[in-house]
Protein backbone atom coordinates (compact mmCIF):
# COMPACT_ATOMS: atom_id res chain seq x y z
CA UNK A 1 145.20 102.10 96.84
CA UNK A 2 146.46 105.13 98.06
CA UNK A 3 150.13 106.22 97.62
CA UNK A 4 153.15 106.27 99.89
CA UNK A 5 156.10 108.31 100.54
CA UNK A 6 159.38 108.07 98.11
CA UNK A 7 157.85 105.23 95.99
CA UNK A 8 160.70 105.39 93.56
CA UNK A 9 163.31 104.75 96.33
CA UNK A 10 160.86 101.46 97.58
CA UNK A 11 160.74 100.27 94.08
CA UNK A 12 164.82 100.62 93.61
CA UNK A 13 165.37 98.86 96.88
CA UNK A 14 162.96 96.07 95.67
CA UNK A 15 164.63 95.69 92.86
CA UNK A 16 168.15 95.38 94.56
CA UNK A 17 166.35 92.60 96.28
CA UNK A 18 165.49 90.81 93.46
CA UNK A 19 161.87 91.72 92.66
CA UNK A 20 161.11 92.47 89.16
CA UNK A 21 157.30 93.26 89.34
CA UNK A 22 155.10 95.19 91.69
CA UNK A 23 151.83 96.54 92.15
CA UNK A 24 151.35 100.19 93.02
CA UNK A 25 148.54 102.44 93.09
CA UNK A 26 148.08 104.61 90.26
CA UNK A 27 149.74 107.65 91.25
CA UNK A 28 153.14 105.69 91.21
CA UNK A 29 152.67 104.54 87.39
CA UNK A 30 155.59 106.46 86.32
CA UNK A 31 158.12 105.75 89.32
CA UNK A 32 159.42 102.41 88.04
CA UNK A 33 163.38 102.17 87.77
CA UNK A 34 164.41 100.68 84.32
CA UNK A 35 164.13 96.84 83.97
CA UNK A 36 160.91 96.89 86.75
CA UNK A 37 157.28 96.11 85.44
CA UNK A 38 154.45 98.24 87.41
CA UNK A 39 151.13 97.05 87.72
CA UNK A 40 149.10 100.48 88.76
CA UNK A 41 146.21 99.73 90.55
CA UNK A 42 143.22 102.51 91.43
CA UNK A 43 141.05 99.80 94.23
CA UNK A 44 141.93 97.11 96.20
CA UNK A 45 138.94 95.53 94.36
CA UNK A 46 141.13 95.88 90.81
CA UNK A 47 143.91 93.35 92.44
CA UNK A 48 141.26 91.43 93.80
CA UNK A 49 139.94 90.53 90.34
CA UNK A 50 143.53 90.74 88.33
CA UNK A 51 144.33 87.79 90.93
CA UNK A 52 141.07 85.78 90.76
CA UNK A 53 140.57 86.39 86.60
CA UNK A 54 144.82 85.27 86.14
CA UNK A 55 144.24 82.06 88.78
CA UNK A 56 147.78 82.68 89.38
CA UNK A 57 148.70 83.30 93.59
CA UNK A 58 149.81 86.94 94.00
CA UNK A 59 153.37 86.41 95.53
CA UNK A 60 154.39 84.61 92.24
CA UNK A 61 152.76 86.72 90.01
CA UNK A 62 154.36 89.80 91.18
CA UNK A 63 157.29 87.61 92.55
CA UNK A 64 160.90 87.60 93.13
CA UNK A 65 163.16 86.40 90.03
CA UNK A 66 164.25 83.17 92.00
CA UNK A 67 160.10 82.26 92.93
């Protein structure tokens, strides 16, 4: 996964929309606003392996507070 511009601002906006967790590239591991949980991923294969291991749909695992 590659980094994107303005990660901190994007995560803050996601938090305003009710999200509490996000999967981010390794480079963004320190960009979380207070009360927000990040799962840093180095490669897409790592994300797929995490989802397969947990047996949980990605949207619910990453999901929103009301999901």
